[in-house]
Protein backbone atom coordinates (compact mmCIF):
# COMPACT_ATOMS: atom_id res chain seq x y z
CA MET A 1 -16.23 39.45 7.85
CA GLU A 2 -19.65 37.70 7.32
CA LYS A 3 -19.27 36.42 3.64
CA LYS A 4 -15.55 35.24 4.84
CA GLN A 5 -16.79 33.34 7.82
CA GLY A 6 -19.94 31.87 5.55
CA PHE A 7 -17.37 30.76 3.01
CA PHE A 8 -15.03 28.96 5.20
CA SER A 9 -18.01 27.56 7.18
CA ALA A 10 -19.12 25.82 3.76
CA LEU A 11 -15.86 24.92 2.87
CA LYS A 12 -15.61 23.25 6.42
CA GLU A 13 -18.59 21.16 5.73
CA GLU A 14 -17.49 20.23 2.14
CA VAL A 15 -14.31 18.90 3.26
CA VAL A 16 -15.28 16.63 6.26
CA ARG A 17 -18.09 15.15 3.76
CA GLY A 18 -15.51 14.89 1.03
CA LEU A 19 -13.32 12.61 3.37
CA SER A 20 -15.26 9.90 3.26
CA PRO A 21 -14.16 6.65 1.47
CA ALA A 22 -17.46 5.74 0.48
CA ARG A 23 -16.79 8.70 -2.15
CA THR A 24 -13.90 6.83 -3.38
CA ARG A 25 -15.80 3.72 -4.85
CA ASN A 26 -18.86 2.60 -5.54
CA ARG A 27 -20.85 0.57 -2.87
CA THR A 28 -23.00 -1.93 -4.64
CA ARG A 29 -23.39 -4.25 -1.82
CA THR A 30 -25.33 -1.70 0.48
CA GLY A 31 -27.19 -0.67 -2.61
CA SER A 32 -26.82 2.88 -1.65
CA PRO A 33 -27.50 5.51 -4.16
CA PRO A 34 -24.37 8.18 -5.38
CA ARG A 35 -24.48 11.09 -3.46
CA ALA A 36 -25.51 14.32 -5.67
CA PRO A 37 -23.05 16.91 -6.66
CA SER A 38 -22.41 19.48 -3.84
CA PRO A 39 -23.61 23.08 -4.41
CA MET A 40 -19.79 23.73 -2.71
CA ALA A 41 -18.26 22.82 -6.51
CA GLY A 42 -20.03 25.57 -7.85
CA LEU A 43 -19.47 27.80 -4.74
CA LEU A 44 -15.41 27.48 -5.33
CA ARG A 45 -15.61 27.83 -8.89
CA ARG A 46 -17.09 31.47 -8.59
CA ARG A 47 -15.77 32.57 -5.15
CA GLY A 48 -14.19 35.32 -6.86
CA SER A 49 -17.29 36.54 -8.31
CA LYS A 50 -19.94 38.63 -6.37
CA SER A 51 -22.64 36.03 -6.85
CA ALA A 52 -20.31 33.74 -4.49
CA ALA A 53 -21.06 36.09 -1.74
CA GLN A 54 -24.73 35.85 -1.67
CA PRO A 55 -25.56 32.39 -0.16
CA THR A 56 -22.56 32.23 2.52
CA ARG A 57 -24.65 32.60 5.88
CA THR A 58 -24.43 28.67 6.20
CA GLN A 59 -24.91 27.29 9.88
CA ASN A 60 -21.62 26.57 11.42
CA SER A 61 -21.24 22.93 11.76
CA SER A 62 -20.58 21.42 15.25
CA GLU A 63 -17.62 19.07 14.12
CA PRO A 64 -14.35 20.56 14.81
CA LEU A 65 -12.11 21.24 11.23
CA ILE A 66 -9.40 18.02 10.68
CA SER A 67 -5.87 19.20 11.27
CA ARG A 68 -3.94 17.58 8.35
CA SER A 69 -0.18 17.60 7.25
CA GLY A 70 -1.07 19.29 4.18
CA SER A 71 -2.86 21.97 3.29
CA LEU A 72 -6.65 21.72 2.76
CA ARG A 73 -7.77 20.60 -0.64
CA PRO A 74 -10.97 22.71 -2.21
CA ALA A 75 -13.95 20.99 -2.15
CA GLY A 76 -14.15 20.53 -6.10
CA GLU A 77 -11.18 18.43 -5.55
CA ALA A 78 -12.62 15.86 -3.37
CA LEU A 79 -11.68 12.14 -3.77
CA ALA A 80 -13.86 10.64 -6.77
CA PRO A 81 -14.54 7.20 -7.44
CA LEU A 82 -11.47 4.96 -9.15
CA MET A 83 -11.98 3.40 -12.51
CA GLU A 84 -12.09 -0.57 -12.10
CA GLY A 85 -10.19 -0.86 -15.49
CA PRO A 86 -7.40 1.02 -17.31
CA PRO A 87 -9.36 3.99 -18.68
CA ASP A 88 -10.55 4.63 -22.26
CA PRO A 89 -8.67 7.24 -24.54
CA ALA A 90 -11.64 7.99 -26.43
CA ALA A 91 -13.28 8.99 -22.96
CA ALA A 92 -10.01 11.18 -21.74
CA ASP A 93 -11.71 14.34 -21.99
CA ARG A 94 -14.72 13.06 -20.12
CA ASP A 95 -13.20 11.75 -17.49
CA CYS A 96 -10.89 14.78 -16.88
CA ARG A 97 -13.69 16.92 -16.12
CA LYS A 98 -15.22 13.87 -13.71
CA GLU A 99 -12.15 13.47 -11.79
CA LYS A 100 -11.71 15.58 -8.69
CA TRP A 101 -8.98 14.15 -6.80
CA ALA A 102 -5.72 16.61 -7.10
CA HIS A 103 -4.39 18.46 -10.20
CA TRP A 104 -1.66 15.69 -10.23
CA MET A 105 -3.80 12.85 -10.26
CA LYS A 106 -5.89 13.67 -12.93
CA GLY A 107 -3.47 13.09 -15.92
CA GLN A 108 -2.83 9.20 -14.56
CA PHE A 109 -6.46 8.57 -14.39
CA SER A 110 -7.33 10.08 -17.44
CA ARG A 111 -4.56 8.88 -20.24
CA ALA A 112 -4.59 5.63 -21.56
CA PRO A 113 -0.92 3.31 -20.50
CA SER A 114 2.20 4.99 -21.79
CA MET A 115 2.76 3.23 -25.50
CA SER A 116 6.37 2.55 -27.10
CA SER A 117 7.42 3.04 -30.72
CA SER A 118 6.21 -0.85 -31.20
CA SER A 119 3.19 -2.81 -29.92
CA VAL A 120 6.00 -5.35 -28.49
CA SER A 121 7.74 -2.98 -26.22
CA SER A 122 4.42 -1.62 -24.94
CA SER A 123 3.02 -5.34 -24.28
CA TYR A 124 6.82 -5.55 -22.32
CA ARG A 125 6.35 -2.16 -20.23
CA ARG A 126 2.55 -3.27 -19.61
CA SER A 127 3.88 -6.42 -18.00
CA ASP A 128 6.37 -4.50 -16.05
CA LEU A 129 3.56 -2.71 -14.67
CA ARG A 130 1.42 -5.61 -13.72
CA LEU A 131 4.71 -6.85 -12.14
CA LEU A 132 5.36 -3.73 -10.04
CA LEU A 133 1.75 -3.52 -8.94
CA GLY A 134 1.26 -7.34 -8.12
CA VAL A 135 4.01 -7.07 -5.86
CA MET A 136 4.38 -3.51 -4.52
CA ALA A 137 0.99 -1.99 -4.48
CA ALA A 138 -0.16 -3.87 -1.20
CA PRO A 139 1.82 -6.47 0.53
CA LEU A 140 0.84 -7.44 3.84
CA ALA A 141 2.66 -7.67 7.37
CA PRO A 142 3.82 -11.35 8.48
CA ILE A 143 1.56 -11.87 11.17
CA HIS A 144 -1.90 -11.08 12.52
CA VAL A 145 -1.66 -8.12 15.23
CA CYS A 146 -4.90 -6.39 17.01
CA SER A 147 -3.46 -2.35 17.88
CA SER A 148 -6.20 -2.26 20.16
CA ASP A 149 -3.81 -4.74 22.57
CA PRO A 150 -1.89 -2.91 24.87
CA LEU A 151 2.07 -3.63 24.49
CA PRO A 152 3.40 -6.44 27.03
CA HIS A 153 4.64 -4.87 30.25
CA LEU A 154 8.46 -4.30 30.37
CA SER A 155 9.91 -7.34 32.33
CA ILE A 156 13.41 -7.92 33.27
CA LYS A 157 13.17 -11.00 35.83
CA ASP A 158 12.76 -14.28 34.07
CA THR A 159 12.88 -13.06 30.92
CA PRO A 160 15.43 -13.58 27.86
CA ILE A 161 17.66 -10.52 27.36
CA GLU A 162 16.56 -10.21 23.89
CA THR A 163 13.19 -10.04 24.51
CA SER A 164 13.45 -7.42 27.25
CA SER A 165 15.61 -5.51 25.15
CA ALA A 166 13.12 -5.25 22.39
CA GLN A 167 10.16 -4.54 25.08
CA TYR A 168 12.63 -1.49 26.26
CA ILE A 169 13.18 -0.55 22.35
CA LEU A 170 9.19 -0.58 21.73
CA GLN A 171 8.95 1.71 24.73
CA GLN A 172 11.00 4.36 23.75
CA TYR A 173 9.31 3.88 20.14
CA THR A 174 6.09 4.49 21.13
CA ALA A 175 6.91 7.67 23.67
CA ALA A 176 9.30 9.22 20.41
CA SER A 177 6.12 8.53 17.91
CA GLY A 178 3.65 10.36 20.08
CA GLY A 179 2.67 8.22 23.46
CA GLN A 180 0.82 5.43 24.31
CA LYS A 181 -2.25 7.64 25.67
CA LEU A 182 -2.30 10.35 22.16
CA GLN A 183 -2.04 6.73 19.97
CA SER A 184 -4.85 5.19 21.74
CA SER A 185 -7.36 8.10 21.18
CA ILE A 186 -6.96 7.70 17.30
CA ARG A 187 -10.13 6.14 16.00
CA ASN A 188 -9.42 6.24 12.35
CA ALA A 189 -6.91 7.83 10.26
CA TYR A 190 -6.58 8.75 6.64
CA ALA A 191 -3.23 9.23 4.45
CA MET A 192 -2.81 10.41 0.64
CA GLY A 193 0.56 10.14 -1.35
CA LYS A 194 2.37 10.00 -4.65
CA VAL A 195 4.37 6.98 -5.72
CA ARG A 196 6.89 6.28 -8.49
CA MET A 197 7.63 2.74 -9.39
CA VAL A 198 10.10 1.10 -11.90
CA ALA A 199 11.60 -2.40 -12.41
CA SER A 200 15.07 -1.47 -12.63
CA GLU A 201 17.12 -4.47 -13.17
CA PHE A 202 17.16 -7.89 -14.26
CA GLU A 203 19.72 -10.75 -13.53
CA THR A 204 20.48 -14.33 -14.85
CA ALA A 205 23.02 -16.63 -14.34
CA THR A 206 24.91 -15.55 -17.67
CA LYS A 207 24.29 -11.51 -17.63
CA VAL A 208 22.61 -8.79 -15.97
CA MET A 209 20.46 -6.20 -18.10
CA LYS A 210 19.59 -2.51 -16.44
CA THR A 211 16.67 -0.29 -17.41
CA ARG A 212 17.62 2.08 -19.59
CA HIS A 213 16.66 5.67 -18.40
CA ALA A 214 15.20 4.45 -15.45
CA ALA A 215 14.10 7.92 -14.50
CA ARG A 216 11.82 8.19 -17.91
CA SER A 217 10.75 4.56 -17.39
CA ALA A 218 9.17 4.65 -14.11
CA GLU A 219 5.51 4.95 -13.48
CA SER A 220 4.11 7.42 -11.50
CA GLY A 221 0.60 7.59 -9.72
CA GLY A 222 -0.64 8.14 -6.25
CA PHE A 223 -2.31 6.41 -3.26
CA VAL A 224 -4.95 6.74 -0.42
CA LEU A 225 -5.30 4.95 2.59
CA TRP A 226 -8.25 4.69 5.36
CA GLN A 227 -7.53 2.74 8.42
CA MET A 228 -10.30 2.51 11.44
CA ASN A 229 -10.50 0.35 14.35
CA PRO A 230 -10.30 -2.52 14.93
CA ASP A 231 -8.21 -3.99 12.12
CA MET A 232 -10.02 -2.35 9.20
CA TRP A 233 -8.31 -0.62 6.51
CA TYR A 234 -8.83 0.27 2.78
CA VAL A 235 -6.22 1.16 0.11
CA GLU A 236 -6.59 2.23 -3.41
CA LEU A 237 -3.34 2.75 -5.45
CA ALA A 238 -3.23 4.15 -9.30
CA VAL A 239 -0.27 4.03 -11.47
CA GLY A 240 0.38 3.92 -14.99
CA GLY A 241 -3.51 3.92 -15.87
CA SER A 242 -3.94 0.68 -13.73
CA LYS A 243 -5.69 0.55 -10.34
CA VAL A 244 -5.45 -1.90 -7.53
CA HIS A 245 -7.81 -1.89 -4.69
CA ALA A 246 -7.30 -3.95 -1.42
CA GLY A 247 -9.05 -3.82 2.17
CA CYS A 248 -9.85 -5.34 5.14
CA ASN A 249 -13.03 -5.16 7.03
CA GLY A 250 -11.61 -6.87 10.33
CA GLN A 251 -12.31 -10.35 9.62
CA LEU A 252 -11.65 -10.83 5.72
CA VAL A 253 -8.46 -9.21 3.48
CA TRP A 254 -9.27 -9.26 0.09
CA ARG A 255 -7.82 -7.48 -3.28
CA HIS A 256 -9.09 -6.47 -6.87
CA THR A 257 -6.47 -5.97 -9.60
CA PRO A 258 -7.68 -5.34 -13.23
CA TRP A 259 -6.30 -8.63 -14.39
CA LEU A 260 -7.41 -11.01 -11.57
CA GLY A 261 -10.67 -9.13 -10.55
CA ALA A 262 -11.59 -9.03 -6.58
CA HIS A 263 -10.33 -12.37 -4.46
CA ALA A 264 -9.73 -13.01 -0.86
CA ALA A 265 -6.40 -13.74 0.72
CA LYS A 266 -6.07 -16.72 2.94
CA GLY A 267 -4.41 -17.28 6.43
CA PRO A 268 -5.10 -14.70 9.40
CA VAL A 269 -6.35 -10.89 8.84
CA ARG A 270 -3.01 -9.16 8.70
CA PRO A 271 -2.00 -5.42 8.79
CA LEU A 272 -1.15 -3.78 5.42
CA ARG A 273 2.54 -3.36 5.00
CA ARG A 274 2.23 0.28 3.39
CA ALA A 275 1.02 1.40 6.94
CA LEU A 276 3.66 0.33 8.63
CA GLN A 277 6.13 2.45 6.96
CA GLY A 278 5.87 5.28 9.09
CA LEU A 279 2.39 5.76 8.95
CA ASP A 280 0.78 3.93 12.11
CA PRO A 281 3.15 3.76 14.81
CA ARG A 282 0.70 2.04 17.31
CA THR A 283 0.24 -1.25 14.66
CA THR A 284 4.36 -1.15 14.09
CA ALA A 285 4.75 -1.21 17.92
CA SER A 286 2.07 -4.40 18.34
CA MET A 287 3.54 -6.13 15.32
CA PHE A 288 6.73 -6.04 17.05
CA ALA A 289 5.45 -6.86 20.41
CA ASN A 290 6.76 -9.94 20.57
CA ALA A 291 9.98 -9.67 18.43
CA ARG A 292 13.49 -10.43 19.61
CA CYS A 293 16.42 -7.67 19.53
CA ILE A 294 19.37 -9.37 17.99
CA GLY A 295 21.94 -6.47 17.59
CA GLU A 296 23.01 -3.35 16.50
CA LYS A 297 23.65 -1.98 12.35
CA LYS A 298 24.27 1.24 11.07
CA VAL A 299 21.44 2.59 8.54
CA GLY A 300 22.62 5.85 6.61
CA SER A 301 23.73 7.88 9.44
CA GLU A 302 21.73 6.06 12.17
CA GLU A 303 22.99 3.51 14.61
CA CYS A 304 19.95 1.21 14.86
CA PHE A 305 19.03 -1.41 17.25
CA ILE A 306 17.46 -4.48 15.28
CA LEU A 307 14.20 -6.32 16.41
CA LYS A 308 13.58 -9.60 14.65
CA LEU A 309 9.76 -11.12 14.09
CA CYS A 310 9.09 -14.63 12.46
CA ALA A 311 6.11 -15.67 11.24
CA ASP A 312 4.92 -19.34 13.32
CA PRO A 313 4.32 -22.25 11.56
CA GLN A 314 0.56 -22.21 11.83
CA THR A 315 0.35 -18.86 10.32
CA LEU A 316 2.58 -20.12 7.22
CA LYS A 317 0.45 -23.11 6.72
CA ALA A 318 -2.76 -21.01 6.48
CA ARG A 319 -1.33 -18.55 4.11
CA SER A 320 -0.05 -21.46 1.56
CA GLU A 321 -2.36 -22.82 -1.05
CA GLY A 322 -1.96 -25.73 -3.53
CA PRO A 323 1.56 -26.33 -5.18
CA ALA A 324 2.50 -22.98 -3.25
CA GLU A 325 4.10 -23.40 0.31
CA ILE A 326 5.19 -20.52 2.03
CA ILE A 327 8.63 -21.99 3.95
CA ARG A 328 9.38 -18.56 5.98
CA HIS A 329 8.41 -15.00 6.52
CA VAL A 330 10.51 -12.60 8.65
CA MET A 331 10.43 -9.22 9.40
CA PHE A 332 13.60 -6.45 10.83
CA GLY A 333 12.68 -3.85 12.36
CA TYR A 334 15.69 -0.99 12.37
CA PHE A 335 14.93 1.37 15.17
CA SER A 336 17.35 4.54 15.80
CA GLN A 337 19.25 4.95 18.63
CA ARG A 338 19.42 8.57 18.52
CA THR A 339 15.65 9.41 18.01
CA GLY A 340 13.81 6.03 18.96
CA LEU A 341 11.78 6.33 15.57
CA LEU A 342 11.61 3.57 13.15
CA VAL A 343 13.92 4.22 9.90
CA HIS A 344 14.03 0.85 8.23
CA VAL A 345 11.94 -2.00 7.57
CA GLU A 346 12.97 -5.35 5.78
CA ASP A 347 11.00 -8.61 5.15
CA SER A 348 11.70 -11.72 3.26
CA HIS A 349 9.55 -14.57 2.36
CA LEU A 350 10.13 -17.76 0.57
CA THR A 351 7.81 -19.87 -1.36
CA ARG A 352 8.25 -23.20 -2.56
CA ILE A 353 6.21 -24.33 -6.07
CA GLN A 354 5.78 -27.85 -6.59
CA SER A 355 5.21 -28.78 -10.12
CA SER A 356 2.06 -30.58 -10.70
CA THR A 357 4.12 -33.15 -13.12
CA GLY A 358 6.42 -34.39 -10.16
CA GLY A 359 9.58 -32.49 -11.25
CA ASP A 360 11.80 -29.96 -9.36
CA ALA A 361 10.44 -27.54 -7.28
CA VAL A 362 10.94 -23.72 -7.99
CA TYR A 363 11.63 -21.16 -5.19
CA TRP A 364 11.06 -17.72 -4.89
CA GLU A 365 12.32 -15.48 -2.44
CA THR A 366 10.56 -11.97 -2.06
CA THR A 367 12.45 -8.98 -0.10
CA ILE A 368 11.42 -5.70 0.32
CA ASN A 369 13.68 -3.23 1.86
CA SER A 370 12.01 0.21 2.88
CA PHE A 371 13.52 3.55 4.03
CA LEU A 372 11.47 5.66 6.43
CA GLU A 373 12.57 9.68 6.34
CA ASP A 374 11.16 13.18 6.66
CA TYR A 375 9.45 12.53 10.06
CA ARG A 376 7.32 15.32 10.81
CA ALA A 377 4.43 15.34 13.92
CA VAL A 378 0.92 15.57 12.60
CA GLU A 379 -1.32 16.36 15.71
CA GLY A 380 1.63 14.98 17.92
CA ILE A 381 1.72 11.57 15.72
CA MET A 382 5.28 11.45 14.26
CA ILE A 383 4.49 10.32 10.74
CA ALA A 384 7.17 9.66 8.15
CA HIS A 385 6.27 11.78 4.76
CA SER A 386 8.85 10.41 2.50
CA GLY A 387 10.63 7.27 1.89
CA ARG A 388 11.73 4.28 -0.84
CA SER A 389 11.60 0.89 -1.21
CA VAL A 390 13.89 -1.58 -2.98
CA VAL A 391 12.22 -4.82 -3.91
CA THR A 392 14.09 -7.98 -5.06
CA LEU A 393 12.79 -11.06 -6.58
CA PHE A 394 14.75 -14.28 -6.46
CA ARG A 395 14.02 -17.19 -8.21
CA PHE A 396 16.19 -20.63 -8.30
CA GLY A 397 15.77 -24.32 -8.41
CA GLU A 398 17.90 -27.12 -8.91
CA MET A 399 19.59 -25.95 -12.27
CA ALA A 400 21.58 -23.31 -11.74
CA MET A 401 21.53 -21.58 -15.45
CA SER A 402 17.35 -21.23 -14.49
CA HIS A 403 18.41 -18.61 -11.59
CA SER A 404 17.21 -15.32 -12.15
CA LYS A 405 16.93 -12.40 -9.72
CA THR A 406 14.40 -9.20 -10.59
CA ARG A 407 15.03 -5.74 -8.54
CA MET A 408 12.19 -3.23 -8.58
CA GLU A 409 11.94 0.21 -6.66
CA GLU A 410 9.62 2.66 -5.45
CA ALA A 411 9.65 6.03 -4.01
CA TRP A 412 6.75 7.79 -1.92
CA THR A 413 5.78 11.12 -0.62
CA ILE A 414 3.13 11.66 1.70
CA GLU A 415 1.01 14.56 0.86
CA GLU A 416 -2.07 14.70 3.68
CA VAL A 417 -2.43 13.18 6.65
CA ALA A 418 -5.54 13.16 9.13
CA PHE A 419 -7.01 11.68 12.05
CA ASN A 420 -10.22 10.96 13.69
CA VAL A 421 -12.16 11.91 10.49
CA PRO A 422 -15.92 12.57 10.89
CA GLY A 423 -18.46 10.28 9.46
CA LEU A 424 -16.08 7.30 8.67
CA SER A 425 -18.10 3.99 9.55
CA ILE A 426 -17.58 0.36 8.96
CA ASP A 427 -19.78 0.79 5.98
CA CYS A 428 -16.82 2.13 4.05
CA PHE A 429 -15.02 -1.03 4.56
CA ILE A 430 -17.29 -3.49 3.17
CA PRO A 431 -15.59 -6.14 0.74
CA PRO A 432 -17.17 -5.92 -3.05
CA ALA A 433 -20.07 -8.13 -3.73
CA ASP A 434 -18.41 -10.27 -6.29
CA ILE A 435 -15.45 -11.26 -4.29
CA ARG A 436 -14.08 -14.92 -5.04
CA CYS A 437 -13.50 -15.98 -1.54
CA GLY A 438 -10.36 -18.42 -1.15
CA SER A 439 -10.04 -18.75 -4.98
CA VAL A 440 -7.08 -17.21 -5.65
CA GLY A 441 -5.50 -16.37 -2.07
CA GLU A 442 -2.88 -13.63 -1.08
CA THR A 443 -0.20 -15.81 -3.18
CA GLY A 444 -0.66 -13.79 -5.93
CA GLU A 445 0.70 -11.71 -9.10
CA LEU A 446 3.91 -13.52 -10.27
CA ASN A 447 2.13 -16.09 -11.85
CA ARG A 448 2.10 -18.23 -14.86
CA ALA A 449 5.57 -18.13 -15.65
CA ASP A 450 8.24 -20.87 -15.07
CA LYS A 451 10.26 -19.99 -18.27
CA ALA A 452 10.75 -17.30 -20.98
CA LYS A 453 12.39 -16.65 -23.97
CA PRO A 454 15.99 -15.97 -23.28
CA GLY A 455 18.02 -12.63 -24.29
CA SER A 456 15.80 -9.81 -23.39
CA HIS A 457 15.24 -8.38 -20.00
CA ARG A 458 11.89 -7.05 -21.22
CA ALA A 459 10.93 -10.34 -22.86
CA LYS A 460 11.45 -12.09 -19.25
CA VAL A 461 9.91 -9.71 -17.20
CA ALA A 462 6.95 -9.92 -19.16
CA ALA A 463 6.82 -13.42 -19.27
CA LEU A 464 6.45 -13.09 -15.16
CA GLY A 465 3.24 -11.46 -15.99
CA LYS A 466 0.80 -13.46 -18.86
CA PRO A 467 0.45 -16.87 -19.52
CA SER A 468 3.31 -18.84 -21.08
CA ASN A 469 4.39 -22.29 -23.00
CA ALA A 470 6.46 -23.09 -19.93
CA VAL A 471 7.41 -26.58 -19.10
CA ASP A 472 4.70 -28.24 -16.99
CA ASN A 473 2.54 -25.19 -17.72
CA ILE A 474 2.24 -24.66 -14.20
CA VAL A 475 -0.12 -22.02 -13.10
CA TRP A 476 1.33 -20.77 -9.52
CA ARG A 477 1.56 -17.48 -7.61
CA VAL A 478 4.16 -16.24 -5.16
CA GLU A 479 3.00 -14.26 -2.01
CA VAL A 480 3.54 -10.45 -1.62
């Protein structure tokens, strides 16, 4: 019995220590030396032998064991640092031994990007992946919100019916998702999940091209998300051998991609949209605090109330940059009348790109529809443990023949969730030291592509992610 208690005591200490996001990236900004390998890894590897029973009289930790939605990972599978660029195929075996983030993630980080039968199709696939990650990895919410601000007091007198109805719906949502008192007790949160992404369809004015064998063409990976009050978050997403990092320290939002490096987002600090997909009910309620109820609609089998939120002109102007002007950004939340929970999120923003030579402007409309499913309670908080998103990129201008539409899809599942993680501090949300403030802005990833060779879906999508000899040679970016 003493041996068993000693082992679980040591395991508990390792789990608490391994939950810090500081272990998932190099903190060169603070100059902190890397943590030495933990003796728990060796202990777990030989826990079935007699030698594992000798050093088990470890002092019990005073911190409580963290309750999580998934099973506890062994300490040997704590989150390890993500690589900054595509992995080196020659170092695959070495990387596999170093990676300690769950067995399903080892293959993602230790292999090179998938290769087709020819180098051309391989290039197109990498461009597809760049397009997927640029648009779907870490999009932001429309407006700035502070999750610590209380919800507006429900008022009927001298209040428009659309506003008072929205306030009532949010009160019901807060109660259904755990209650305000319990949500206010959460200081930080952690979530880890799997994702599958695919560029499924491309449409022009004359034809529609669908991806063959979409299931086999989908890119698989995973993400880890950390949040901390007030308004701090950090996310890492790895898919198909490429990684995207993004974060916010409460004053600055930044993102790092292998093809653009680290850059700051323009405009006010805004929440991560992925957190609004059933992972952070408190921030979600704050996001829709000033929304209006515009009606009802059936989503699947659920009758829902619809709340509409629009970004104000000042926020849109602050987010615009150079030739890219953000005209509007609207978000709709669909709340179930039966459960009170959020089951569908839709947001759409329109960006106008003006040619530097005075030609016709090009418009890009990005629409993201997310469906939230499998709500389960984690420490009393209702969390959506799976869902899917459908993204549509619509490009149009003066000439109808230049119109095009690209459809992308993402499915995700949540593996683990934890609240009030011990040891999490503001040092875990420090931006990269080499960040280029204001150099790129948030209007990021669909750059350098106004025209492409006709006749191929792959060629067209590939052009959206790399330089091309397009008319005007415009370098522009569409916000995500």
